[in-house]
């Protein structure tokens, strides 16, 4: 027989998202009128009560970053981007230095 609430309606399966019961399933009244409540899952161990909320926060942060178009880069990828940026800067500096030396050369030769 299906689990019925006190209103004689089929109890709805839901999931708790509180810190102490994160991702723990329970049955409740679908209309929330008769205060029917029963746990489906057994209680979480203390370690899971600490780890699961942290994992949920991390997943939510990554999903939010992905929705906003932010890139998720590893340390190696960030380092590669830094190296490419530094190389571009060095190339600009070298070009400016060569141009300056050419100008000085023509200035000296013209006298």
Protein backbone atom coordinates (compact mmCIF):
# COMPACT_ATOMS: atom_id res chain seq x y z
CA UNK A 1 0.00 0.00 0.00
CA UNK A 2 1.28 3.47 -0.87
CA UNK A 3 2.17 5.80 1.97
CA UNK A 4 -0.83 7.98 2.69
CA UNK A 5 -0.83 11.19 4.68
CA UNK A 6 -3.45 12.02 7.30
CA UNK A 7 -5.57 13.72 4.58
CA UNK A 8 -5.81 10.35 2.80
CA UNK A 9 -3.67 11.61 -0.07
CA UNK A 10 -0.57 9.92 -1.40
CA UNK A 11 2.42 11.31 0.50
CA UNK A 12 4.92 13.18 -1.65
CA UNK A 13 8.59 12.23 -1.59
CA UNK A 14 10.80 15.26 -0.99
CA UNK A 15 14.41 15.95 -0.16
CA UNK A 16 15.73 17.93 2.79
CA UNK A 17 18.39 20.57 2.11
CA UNK A 18 19.14 21.62 5.67
CA UNK A 19 22.70 21.47 6.96
CA UNK A 20 22.03 18.52 9.27
CA UNK A 21 19.90 16.54 6.79
CA UNK A 22 21.29 17.53 3.38
CA UNK A 23 19.98 15.28 0.58
CA UNK A 24 18.00 13.11 3.00
CA UNK A 25 14.65 11.95 1.56
CA UNK A 26 11.34 12.12 3.42
CA UNK A 27 7.60 11.76 2.85
CA UNK A 28 5.22 14.65 3.53
CA UNK A 29 1.67 15.77 2.84
CA UNK A 30 1.50 17.09 -0.76
CA UNK A 31 -0.72 20.00 0.32
CA UNK A 32 1.16 20.64 3.58
CA UNK A 33 -2.09 20.74 5.50
CA UNK A 34 -1.97 17.73 7.86
CA UNK A 35 1.67 17.86 9.08
CA UNK A 36 2.37 14.29 7.94
CA UNK A 37 6.09 13.59 7.97
CA UNK A 38 8.21 10.44 7.77
CA UNK A 39 11.88 9.93 6.97
CA UNK A 40 12.73 7.52 4.14
CA UNK A 41 16.51 7.59 4.55
CA UNK A 42 18.34 6.81 7.75
CA UNK A 43 20.14 9.66 9.56
CA UNK A 44 23.43 10.88 8.10
CA UNK A 45 26.67 10.23 9.93
CA UNK A 46 28.36 13.33 11.44
CA UNK A 47 31.06 13.35 8.75
CA UNK A 48 28.45 13.35 5.94
CA UNK A 49 26.64 16.22 7.70
CA UNK A 50 29.83 18.27 7.29
CA UNK A 51 30.90 17.15 3.80
CA UNK A 52 27.61 17.14 1.85
CA UNK A 53 26.65 20.82 2.46
CA UNK A 54 30.17 21.88 1.42
CA UNK A 55 29.93 19.85 -1.79
CA UNK A 56 26.51 21.31 -2.54
CA UNK A 57 27.84 24.87 -2.05
CA UNK A 58 30.80 24.11 -4.36
CA UNK A 59 28.53 22.66 -7.07
CA UNK A 60 26.17 25.64 -6.82
CA UNK A 61 29.10 28.08 -7.13
CA UNK A 62 30.47 26.27 -10.21
CA UNK A 63 27.02 26.15 -11.83
CA UNK A 64 26.52 29.87 -11.16
CA UNK A 65 29.92 30.62 -12.65
CA UNK A 66 29.08 28.54 -15.71
CA UNK A 67 25.72 30.32 -16.15
CA UNK A 68 27.42 33.73 -16.09
CA UNK A 69 29.88 32.59 -18.74
CA UNK A 70 32.87 32.49 -16.42
CA UNK A 71 35.66 30.15 -17.38
CA UNK A 72 36.81 27.47 -15.00
CA UNK A 73 40.56 27.11 -15.51
CA UNK A 74 43.04 24.86 -13.85
CA UNK A 75 46.29 26.16 -12.44
CA UNK A 76 48.21 24.98 -15.52
CA UNK A 77 45.82 26.77 -17.88
CA UNK A 78 46.09 29.99 -15.85
CA UNK A 79 49.88 29.73 -15.93
CA UNK A 80 49.81 29.21 -19.71
CA UNK A 81 47.67 32.33 -20.15
CA UNK A 82 50.12 34.30 -17.98
CA UNK A 83 53.09 33.11 -20.07
CA UNK A 84 51.34 34.08 -23.33
CA UNK A 85 50.51 37.53 -21.92
CA UNK A 86 54.11 38.06 -20.79
CA UNK A 87 55.41 36.96 -24.20
CA UNK A 88 53.13 39.49 -25.94
CA UNK A 89 54.39 42.21 -23.61
CA UNK A 90 58.03 41.25 -24.29
CA UNK A 91 57.40 41.29 -28.06
CA UNK A 92 55.98 44.82 -27.83
CA UNK A 93 58.93 45.97 -25.74
CA UNK A 94 61.42 44.40 -28.16
CA UNK A 95 59.73 46.05 -31.14
CA UNK A 96 59.84 49.44 -29.41
CA UNK A 97 63.52 48.94 -28.54
CA UNK A 98 64.42 48.03 -32.14
CA UNK A 99 62.49 51.03 -33.46
CA UNK A 100 64.31 53.32 -30.99
CA UNK A 101 67.73 52.00 -32.04
CA UNK A 102 66.88 52.46 -35.74
CA UNK A 103 65.83 56.06 -35.05
CA UNK A 104 69.06 56.72 -33.14
CA UNK A 105 71.11 55.16 -35.95
CA UNK A 106 69.50 57.37 -38.61
CA UNK A 107 69.87 60.44 -36.40
CA UNK A 108 73.60 59.80 -35.95
CA UNK A 109 74.14 58.98 -39.65
CA UNK A 110 72.34 62.13 -40.79
CA UNK A 111 74.94 64.38 -39.08
